[in-house]
Amino acid sequence: MLIVIAAFWGQVEYRIKQLMPWQIMSRGPASAENSVLLDYVSPWNVLALFKSLKNRHLLVSLVITASLLLKVAIIASTGLFMLQEVRITHESMPLGITDRFDSKAFSTSLDDSRSALTLMGVKRLGLQMPLGTTETLAVQSFMTSDPAQSSSTLRLIITLF
């Protein structure tokens, strides 16, 4: 993120350094050293900083200082954030699927209004979504040998969606 900010800030810095002689000339007559020959773009940033402080061009000084601080922050942040190995232990538990999505037995003659009424209750009355469903997904239910683990496993799977 800091690198993206630095890329955009580099453009701002360049334009301010480039346009400072023109800003000075817009105020009125100025010597060649302070107008046409004034160059903050070419020299090293530290030298340009001292030159701008000497000439009392505070905008250029501020921009160069911010640029240098941003570069220091990038270097410091990459040195501070290091990858660390995290071991995750998990227990194996047998999982069984308690229901299946199967359209083989689907028949329009057996269809009733329960699903439509459930959806209407969720949308209009603020009821909770049925277990194993979200706004856009439906997930099969799982069961373990321990009923307490079974409900927590299902909740974990639903929150991933």
N, C-alpha and C. Protein backbone atom coordinates (compact mmCIF):
# COMPACT_ATOMS: atom_id res chain seq x y z
N MET A 1 0.82 -1.19 0.00
CA MET A 1 0.00 0.00 0.00
C MET A 1 0.87 1.26 0.00
N LEU A 2 1.93 1.22 0.81
CA LEU A 2 2.82 2.39 0.86
C LEU A 2 3.52 2.61 -0.47
N ILE A 3 3.78 1.53 -1.20
CA ILE A 3 4.45 1.66 -2.49
C ILE A 3 3.53 2.35 -3.49
N VAL A 4 2.25 2.04 -3.44
CA VAL A 4 1.28 2.69 -4.33
C VAL A 4 1.19 4.18 -3.99
N ILE A 5 1.14 4.48 -2.70
CA ILE A 5 1.11 5.89 -2.27
C ILE A 5 2.38 6.60 -2.72
N ALA A 6 3.52 5.93 -2.59
CA ALA A 6 4.79 6.53 -2.99
C ALA A 6 4.82 6.80 -4.50
N ALA A 7 4.22 5.91 -5.27
CA ALA A 7 4.19 6.12 -6.72
C ALA A 7 3.39 7.37 -7.07
N PHE A 8 2.23 7.53 -6.45
CA PHE A 8 1.43 8.73 -6.70
C PHE A 8 2.12 9.98 -6.14
N TRP A 9 2.72 9.84 -4.97
CA TRP A 9 3.39 10.98 -4.36
C TRP A 9 4.59 11.42 -5.20
N GLY A 10 5.26 10.47 -5.85
CA GLY A 10 6.38 10.80 -6.72
C GLY A 10 5.97 11.72 -7.85
N GLN A 11 4.76 11.50 -8.37
CA GLN A 11 4.26 12.38 -9.44
C GLN A 11 3.98 13.79 -8.91
N VAL A 12 3.41 13.87 -7.72
CA VAL A 12 3.14 15.18 -7.10
C VAL A 12 4.46 15.90 -6.83
N GLU A 13 5.42 15.18 -6.28
CA GLU A 13 6.72 15.76 -5.97
C GLU A 13 7.39 16.30 -7.24
N TYR A 14 7.37 15.49 -8.29
CA TYR A 14 8.00 15.89 -9.55
C TYR A 14 7.39 17.18 -10.10
N ARG A 15 6.05 17.23 -10.11
CA ARG A 15 5.38 18.41 -10.67
C ARG A 15 5.66 19.67 -9.85
N ILE A 16 5.69 19.54 -8.54
CA ILE A 16 5.95 20.73 -7.71
C ILE A 16 7.38 21.21 -7.91
N LYS A 17 8.33 20.27 -7.97
CA LYS A 17 9.72 20.65 -8.22
C LYS A 17 9.87 21.30 -9.60
N GLN A 18 9.15 20.76 -10.57
CA GLN A 18 9.24 21.25 -11.93
C GLN A 18 8.62 22.64 -12.08
N LEU A 19 7.51 22.88 -11.38
CA LEU A 19 6.78 24.14 -11.56
C LEU A 19 7.20 25.26 -10.62
N MET A 20 8.10 25.01 -9.67
CA MET A 20 8.52 26.05 -8.73
C MET A 20 9.15 27.25 -9.44
N PRO A 21 10.04 27.07 -10.44
CA PRO A 21 10.56 28.28 -11.14
C PRO A 21 9.47 29.09 -11.81
N TRP A 22 8.47 28.44 -12.35
CA TRP A 22 7.37 29.15 -13.01
C TRP A 22 6.53 29.91 -11.99
N GLN A 23 6.37 29.34 -10.82
CA GLN A 23 5.63 30.05 -9.77
C GLN A 23 6.38 31.30 -9.33
N ILE A 24 7.69 31.20 -9.23
CA ILE A 24 8.49 32.36 -8.85
C ILE A 24 8.41 33.45 -9.91
N MET A 25 8.49 33.04 -11.20
CA MET A 25 8.42 34.02 -12.28
C MET A 25 7.03 34.64 -12.39
N SER A 26 5.98 33.93 -11.95
CA SER A 26 4.63 34.50 -12.02
C SER A 26 4.43 35.63 -11.01
N ARG A 27 5.25 35.65 -9.96
CA ARG A 27 5.15 36.71 -8.96
C ARG A 27 5.76 38.02 -9.45
N GLY A 28 6.66 37.92 -10.42
CA GLY A 28 7.31 39.13 -10.93
C GLY A 28 8.72 38.81 -11.39
N PRO A 29 9.50 39.83 -11.73
CA PRO A 29 10.86 39.61 -12.20
C PRO A 29 11.71 38.91 -11.13
N ALA A 30 12.55 37.97 -11.62
CA ALA A 30 13.43 37.24 -10.71
C ALA A 30 14.75 37.00 -11.42
N SER A 31 15.80 36.79 -10.65
CA SER A 31 17.11 36.52 -11.24
C SER A 31 17.10 35.17 -11.93
N ALA A 32 18.06 34.95 -12.80
CA ALA A 32 18.13 33.69 -13.55
C ALA A 32 18.35 32.51 -12.62
N GLU A 33 19.15 32.69 -11.55
CA GLU A 33 19.41 31.59 -10.61
C GLU A 33 18.14 31.16 -9.87
N ASN A 34 17.22 32.10 -9.67
CA ASN A 34 15.98 31.79 -8.96
C ASN A 34 14.80 31.55 -9.89
N SER A 35 15.05 31.51 -11.20
CA SER A 35 13.93 31.28 -12.11
C SER A 35 14.29 30.25 -13.17
N VAL A 36 14.90 30.66 -14.26
CA VAL A 36 15.16 29.77 -15.39
C VAL A 36 16.18 28.70 -15.04
N LEU A 37 17.20 29.04 -14.28
CA LEU A 37 18.25 28.09 -13.95
C LEU A 37 17.98 27.31 -12.67
N LEU A 38 16.86 27.57 -12.02
CA LEU A 38 16.53 26.87 -10.77
C LEU A 38 16.10 25.43 -11.09
N ASP A 39 16.80 24.47 -10.51
CA ASP A 39 16.52 23.06 -10.81
C ASP A 39 16.43 22.27 -9.50
N TYR A 40 15.23 21.79 -9.18
CA TYR A 40 15.06 20.91 -8.03
C TYR A 40 14.86 19.46 -8.47
N VAL A 41 14.67 19.21 -9.76
CA VAL A 41 14.36 17.87 -10.26
C VAL A 41 15.62 17.02 -10.36
N SER A 42 16.69 17.56 -10.91
CA SER A 42 17.90 16.78 -11.21
C SER A 42 18.71 16.36 -9.99
N PRO A 43 18.97 17.27 -9.04
CA PRO A 43 19.86 16.85 -7.94
C PRO A 43 19.22 15.82 -7.02
N TRP A 44 20.06 15.21 -6.22
CA TRP A 44 19.64 14.25 -5.21
C TRP A 44 18.68 14.95 -4.25
N ASN A 45 17.69 14.23 -3.73
CA ASN A 45 16.65 14.84 -2.91
C ASN A 45 17.20 15.59 -1.69
N VAL A 46 18.22 15.06 -1.05
CA VAL A 46 18.77 15.72 0.14
C VAL A 46 19.39 17.06 -0.25
N LEU A 47 20.13 17.08 -1.37
CA LEU A 47 20.71 18.34 -1.82
C LEU A 47 19.63 19.32 -2.24
N ALA A 48 18.59 18.82 -2.92
CA ALA A 48 17.48 19.69 -3.32
C ALA A 48 16.75 20.23 -2.09
N LEU A 49 16.67 19.42 -1.04
CA LEU A 49 16.03 19.88 0.21
C LEU A 49 16.80 21.05 0.80
N PHE A 50 18.11 20.92 0.91
CA PHE A 50 18.91 22.01 1.47
C PHE A 50 18.86 23.26 0.59
N LYS A 51 18.85 23.05 -0.72
CA LYS A 51 18.77 24.18 -1.65
C LYS A 51 17.42 24.90 -1.51
N SER A 52 16.33 24.12 -1.36
CA SER A 52 15.01 24.75 -1.20
C SER A 52 14.87 25.46 0.15
N LEU A 53 15.48 24.90 1.18
CA LEU A 53 15.46 25.59 2.48
C LEU A 53 16.26 26.89 2.42
N LYS A 54 17.38 26.84 1.73
CA LYS A 54 18.21 28.05 1.57
C LYS A 54 17.46 29.14 0.81
N ASN A 55 16.72 28.74 -0.23
CA ASN A 55 15.95 29.70 -1.03
C ASN A 55 14.58 30.02 -0.44
N ARG A 56 14.24 29.39 0.66
CA ARG A 56 12.96 29.58 1.36
C ARG A 56 11.77 29.21 0.48
N HIS A 57 11.92 28.13 -0.27
CA HIS A 57 10.81 27.58 -1.05
C HIS A 57 10.21 26.44 -0.22
N LEU A 58 9.31 26.81 0.67
CA LEU A 58 8.80 25.87 1.67
C LEU A 58 7.96 24.75 1.07
N LEU A 59 7.28 25.02 -0.01
CA LEU A 59 6.46 23.98 -0.63
C LEU A 59 7.34 22.84 -1.14
N VAL A 60 8.44 23.19 -1.79
CA VAL A 60 9.37 22.18 -2.27
C VAL A 60 10.00 21.45 -1.09
N SER A 61 10.36 22.17 -0.06
CA SER A 61 10.94 21.54 1.13
C SER A 61 9.96 20.56 1.77
N LEU A 62 8.72 20.94 1.85
CA LEU A 62 7.70 20.07 2.44
C LEU A 62 7.50 18.81 1.61
N VAL A 63 7.46 18.96 0.30
CA VAL A 63 7.24 17.81 -0.59
C VAL A 63 8.43 16.85 -0.52
N ILE A 64 9.63 17.38 -0.53
CA ILE A 64 10.82 16.51 -0.46
C ILE A 64 10.89 15.81 0.88
N THR A 65 10.58 16.53 1.96
CA THR A 65 10.59 15.91 3.29
C THR A 65 9.56 14.79 3.38
N ALA A 66 8.37 15.02 2.85
CA ALA A 66 7.34 13.97 2.86
C ALA A 66 7.77 12.77 2.03
N SER A 67 8.43 13.02 0.92
CA SER A 67 8.91 11.93 0.07
C SER A 67 9.97 11.11 0.79
N LEU A 68 10.89 11.78 1.45
CA LEU A 68 11.93 11.06 2.19
C LEU A 68 11.33 10.26 3.34
N LEU A 69 10.36 10.84 4.05
CA LEU A 69 9.71 10.12 5.15
C LEU A 69 8.93 8.91 4.64
N LEU A 70 8.31 9.04 3.49
CA LEU A 70 7.58 7.92 2.90
C LEU A 70 8.53 6.79 2.52
N LYS A 71 9.69 7.14 1.98
CA LYS A 71 10.68 6.11 1.64
C LYS A 71 11.20 5.42 2.90
N VAL A 72 11.42 6.17 3.96
CA VAL A 72 11.86 5.57 5.22
C VAL A 72 10.77 4.65 5.78
N ALA A 73 9.51 5.07 5.66
CA ALA A 73 8.41 4.22 6.14
C ALA A 73 8.31 2.93 5.35
N ILE A 74 8.56 2.97 4.06
CA ILE A 74 8.53 1.76 3.25
C ILE A 74 9.64 0.81 3.68
N ILE A 75 10.82 1.35 3.89
CA ILE A 75 11.95 0.51 4.32
C ILE A 75 11.70 -0.06 5.71
N ALA A 76 11.18 0.76 6.62
CA ALA A 76 10.92 0.30 7.99
C ALA A 76 9.80 -0.74 8.03
N SER A 77 8.77 -0.54 7.23
CA SER A 77 7.64 -1.47 7.29
C SER A 77 8.02 -2.83 6.72
N THR A 78 8.84 -2.86 5.69
CA THR A 78 9.24 -4.16 5.15
C THR A 78 10.19 -4.88 6.09
N GLY A 79 10.90 -4.15 6.90
CA GLY A 79 11.78 -4.78 7.88
C GLY A 79 11.05 -5.21 9.13
N LEU A 80 9.92 -4.57 9.43
CA LEU A 80 9.19 -4.89 10.65
C LEU A 80 8.23 -6.06 10.48
N PHE A 81 7.65 -6.20 9.31
CA PHE A 81 6.69 -7.26 9.08
C PHE A 81 7.40 -8.45 8.46
N MET A 82 7.50 -9.50 9.24
CA MET A 82 8.20 -10.69 8.76
C MET A 82 7.24 -11.87 8.78
N LEU A 83 7.47 -12.80 7.87
CA LEU A 83 6.65 -13.99 7.84
C LEU A 83 6.98 -14.86 9.05
N GLN A 84 5.96 -15.40 9.62
CA GLN A 84 6.14 -16.26 10.78
C GLN A 84 5.35 -17.53 10.56
N GLU A 85 5.97 -18.63 10.85
CA GLU A 85 5.29 -19.91 10.66
C GLU A 85 4.32 -20.15 11.81
N VAL A 86 3.11 -20.49 11.46
CA VAL A 86 2.09 -20.78 12.46
C VAL A 86 1.61 -22.20 12.24
N ARG A 87 1.74 -23.02 13.24
CA ARG A 87 1.29 -24.40 13.13
C ARG A 87 -0.17 -24.50 13.58
N ILE A 88 -0.94 -25.13 12.74
CA ILE A 88 -2.35 -25.33 13.05
C ILE A 88 -2.56 -26.82 13.25
N THR A 89 -3.02 -27.14 14.42
CA THR A 89 -3.30 -28.55 14.69
C THR A 89 -4.80 -28.77 14.57
N HIS A 90 -5.15 -29.89 14.02
CA HIS A 90 -6.56 -30.20 13.89
C HIS A 90 -6.76 -31.68 14.16
N GLU A 91 -7.87 -31.95 14.71
CA GLU A 91 -8.22 -33.34 15.00
C GLU A 91 -9.04 -33.87 13.84
N SER A 92 -8.79 -35.12 13.52
CA SER A 92 -9.61 -35.71 12.48
C SER A 92 -10.89 -36.23 13.12
N MET A 93 -11.98 -35.96 12.49
CA MET A 93 -13.27 -36.44 12.99
C MET A 93 -14.07 -36.93 11.80
N PRO A 94 -14.78 -37.98 12.00
CA PRO A 94 -15.58 -38.50 10.88
C PRO A 94 -16.77 -37.57 10.62
N LEU A 95 -16.95 -37.22 9.37
CA LEU A 95 -18.07 -36.38 8.97
C LEU A 95 -19.01 -37.19 8.10
N GLY A 96 -20.26 -37.01 8.34
CA GLY A 96 -21.27 -37.65 7.51
C GLY A 96 -22.22 -36.60 6.98
N ILE A 97 -22.66 -36.75 5.75
CA ILE A 97 -23.59 -35.80 5.15
C ILE A 97 -25.00 -36.23 5.53
N THR A 98 -25.74 -35.32 6.12
CA THR A 98 -27.09 -35.67 6.58
C THR A 98 -28.15 -35.47 5.52
N ASP A 99 -27.89 -34.68 4.51
CA ASP A 99 -28.85 -34.51 3.43
C ASP A 99 -28.09 -34.28 2.13
N ARG A 100 -28.77 -34.50 1.03
CA ARG A 100 -28.13 -34.38 -0.29
C ARG A 100 -28.99 -33.49 -1.18
N PHE A 101 -28.32 -32.85 -2.12
CA PHE A 101 -29.02 -32.12 -3.16
C PHE A 101 -29.21 -33.08 -4.33
N ASP A 102 -30.41 -33.54 -4.52
CA ASP A 102 -30.67 -34.53 -5.55
C ASP A 102 -31.95 -34.14 -6.28
N SER A 103 -31.85 -33.97 -7.57
CA SER A 103 -33.03 -33.56 -8.34
C SER A 103 -33.68 -34.73 -9.08
N LYS A 104 -33.23 -35.96 -8.81
CA LYS A 104 -33.80 -37.12 -9.51
C LYS A 104 -35.26 -37.32 -9.14
N ALA A 105 -35.58 -37.09 -7.89
CA ALA A 105 -36.95 -37.35 -7.43
C ALA A 105 -37.83 -36.11 -7.54
N PHE A 106 -37.37 -35.07 -8.21
CA PHE A 106 -38.15 -33.84 -8.31
C PHE A 106 -39.35 -34.04 -9.23
N SER A 107 -40.46 -33.59 -8.75
CA SER A 107 -41.68 -33.65 -9.55
C SER A 107 -42.49 -32.40 -9.25
N THR A 108 -43.00 -31.77 -10.27
CA THR A 108 -43.76 -30.55 -10.06
C THR A 108 -45.09 -30.84 -9.36
N SER A 109 -45.57 -32.06 -9.45
CA SER A 109 -46.84 -32.38 -8.77
C SER A 109 -46.66 -32.48 -7.26
N LEU A 110 -45.41 -32.75 -6.80
CA LEU A 110 -45.15 -32.85 -5.36
C LEU A 110 -44.73 -31.50 -4.77
N ASP A 111 -44.58 -30.51 -5.59
CA ASP A 111 -44.12 -29.20 -5.14
C ASP A 111 -45.22 -28.51 -4.35
N ASP A 112 -44.84 -27.87 -3.24
CA ASP A 112 -45.81 -27.12 -2.45
C ASP A 112 -45.26 -25.71 -2.20
N SER A 113 -45.91 -24.95 -1.39
CA SER A 113 -45.55 -23.55 -1.21
C SER A 113 -44.65 -23.31 -0.01
N ARG A 114 -44.11 -24.34 0.63
CA ARG A 114 -43.29 -24.13 1.83
C ARG A 114 -42.04 -23.30 1.55
N SER A 115 -41.35 -23.59 0.45
CA SER A 115 -40.12 -22.84 0.17
C SER A 115 -40.43 -21.38 -0.15
N ALA A 116 -41.50 -21.13 -0.87
CA ALA A 116 -41.88 -19.74 -1.19
C ALA A 116 -42.29 -18.99 0.07
N LEU A 117 -43.00 -19.65 0.97
CA LEU A 117 -43.41 -19.00 2.22
C LEU A 117 -42.20 -18.73 3.11
N THR A 118 -41.25 -19.65 3.12
CA THR A 118 -40.02 -19.43 3.89
C THR A 118 -39.27 -18.22 3.36
N LEU A 119 -39.12 -18.12 2.05
CA LEU A 119 -38.44 -16.98 1.44
C LEU A 119 -39.17 -15.68 1.73
N MET A 120 -40.49 -15.70 1.66
CA MET A 120 -41.27 -14.51 1.96
C MET A 120 -41.10 -14.10 3.43
N GLY A 121 -41.03 -15.09 4.33
CA GLY A 121 -40.82 -14.78 5.74
C GLY A 121 -39.45 -14.16 5.99
N VAL A 122 -38.45 -14.63 5.26
CA VAL A 122 -37.10 -14.08 5.42
C VAL A 122 -37.05 -12.66 4.88
N LYS A 123 -37.61 -12.44 3.70
CA LYS A 123 -37.52 -11.13 3.05
C LYS A 123 -38.40 -10.07 3.71
N ARG A 124 -39.64 -10.44 4.02
CA ARG A 124 -40.59 -9.42 4.50
C ARG A 124 -40.70 -9.33 6.01
N LEU A 125 -40.52 -10.45 6.71
CA LEU A 125 -40.72 -10.45 8.15
C LEU A 125 -39.43 -10.48 8.94
N GLY A 126 -38.29 -10.53 8.25
CA GLY A 126 -37.00 -10.50 8.94
C GLY A 126 -36.66 -11.80 9.64
N LEU A 127 -37.22 -12.92 9.22
CA LEU A 127 -36.88 -14.20 9.82
C LEU A 127 -35.47 -14.61 9.42
N GLN A 128 -34.90 -15.54 10.17
CA GLN A 128 -33.56 -16.01 9.85
C GLN A 128 -33.61 -16.98 8.68
N MET A 129 -32.50 -17.01 7.95
CA MET A 129 -32.39 -17.96 6.85
C MET A 129 -32.40 -19.37 7.42
N PRO A 130 -32.96 -20.35 6.72
CA PRO A 130 -32.93 -21.73 7.21
C PRO A 130 -31.49 -22.22 7.38
N LEU A 131 -31.29 -23.16 8.27
CA LEU A 131 -29.97 -23.70 8.56
C LEU A 131 -29.35 -24.27 7.28
N GLY A 132 -28.13 -23.86 7.00
CA GLY A 132 -27.43 -24.35 5.81
C GLY A 132 -27.61 -23.47 4.59
N THR A 133 -28.24 -22.30 4.74
CA THR A 133 -28.43 -21.40 3.61
C THR A 133 -27.94 -20.00 3.94
N THR A 134 -27.57 -19.29 2.89
CA THR A 134 -27.24 -17.87 3.00
C THR A 134 -28.06 -17.15 1.94
N GLU A 135 -27.78 -15.89 1.72
CA GLU A 135 -28.52 -15.13 0.70
C GLU A 135 -28.34 -15.73 -0.69
N THR A 136 -27.16 -16.27 -0.96
CA THR A 136 -26.87 -16.76 -2.31
C THR A 136 -26.51 -18.23 -2.38
N LEU A 137 -26.29 -18.90 -1.26
CA LEU A 137 -25.81 -20.28 -1.28
C LEU A 137 -26.64 -21.18 -0.38
N ALA A 138 -26.61 -22.46 -0.71
CA ALA A 138 -27.16 -23.49 0.16
C ALA A 138 -26.06 -24.53 0.36
N VAL A 139 -25.85 -24.95 1.61
CA VAL A 139 -24.77 -25.86 1.95
C VAL A 139 -25.37 -27.11 2.57
N GLN A 140 -24.78 -28.25 2.24
CA GLN A 140 -25.26 -29.49 2.84
C GLN A 140 -24.92 -29.53 4.32
N SER A 141 -25.73 -30.23 5.08
CA SER A 141 -25.49 -30.37 6.52
C SER A 141 -24.53 -31.52 6.76
N PHE A 142 -23.69 -31.38 7.77
CA PHE A 142 -22.74 -32.42 8.13
C PHE A 142 -23.04 -32.88 9.55
N MET A 143 -22.65 -34.10 9.84
CA MET A 143 -22.88 -34.64 11.17
C MET A 143 -21.62 -35.39 11.60
N THR A 144 -21.25 -35.24 12.86
CA THR A 144 -20.15 -36.01 13.43
C THR A 144 -20.72 -36.93 14.48
N SER A 145 -19.83 -37.69 15.08
CA SER A 145 -20.29 -38.58 16.15
C SER A 145 -20.67 -37.79 17.40
N ASP A 146 -20.11 -36.57 17.55
CA ASP A 146 -20.43 -35.71 18.68
C ASP A 146 -21.38 -34.62 18.20
N PRO A 147 -22.62 -34.55 18.70
CA PRO A 147 -23.58 -33.54 18.22
C PRO A 147 -23.11 -32.10 18.45
N ALA A 148 -22.36 -31.83 19.52
CA ALA A 148 -21.88 -30.46 19.77
C ALA A 148 -20.90 -30.03 18.69
N GLN A 149 -20.02 -30.95 18.27
CA GLN A 149 -19.08 -30.63 17.21
C GLN A 149 -19.79 -30.49 15.88
N SER A 150 -20.85 -31.22 15.68
CA SER A 150 -21.57 -31.19 14.41
C SER A 150 -22.15 -29.81 14.14
N SER A 151 -22.79 -29.20 15.14
CA SER A 151 -23.38 -27.89 14.92
C SER A 151 -22.31 -26.82 14.76
N SER A 152 -21.19 -26.93 15.49
CA SER A 152 -20.13 -25.93 15.34
C SER A 152 -19.44 -26.08 13.99
N THR A 153 -19.32 -27.31 13.49
CA THR A 153 -18.73 -27.51 12.17
C THR A 153 -19.61 -26.90 11.10
N LEU A 154 -20.92 -27.08 11.20
CA LEU A 154 -21.83 -26.52 10.22
C LEU A 154 -21.79 -24.99 10.26
N ARG A 155 -21.74 -24.41 11.45
CA ARG A 155 -21.66 -22.95 11.56
C ARG A 155 -20.38 -22.43 10.95
N LEU A 156 -19.26 -23.17 11.14
CA LEU A 156 -18.00 -22.76 10.56
C LEU A 156 -18.07 -22.79 9.05
N ILE A 157 -18.67 -23.80 8.48
CA ILE A 157 -18.78 -23.91 7.04
C ILE A 157 -19.65 -22.79 6.49
N ILE A 158 -20.74 -22.47 7.15
CA ILE A 158 -21.63 -21.42 6.68
C ILE A 158 -20.95 -20.06 6.76
N THR A 159 -20.18 -19.81 7.81
CA THR A 159 -19.54 -18.50 7.92
C THR A 159 -18.45 -18.33 6.88
N LEU A 160 -17.91 -19.42 6.34
CA LEU A 160 -16.92 -19.29 5.27
C LEU A 160 -17.56 -18.76 4.00
N PHE A 161 -18.84 -19.00 3.81
CA PHE A 161 -19.52 -18.51 2.62
C PHE A 161 -20.02 -17.11 2.87
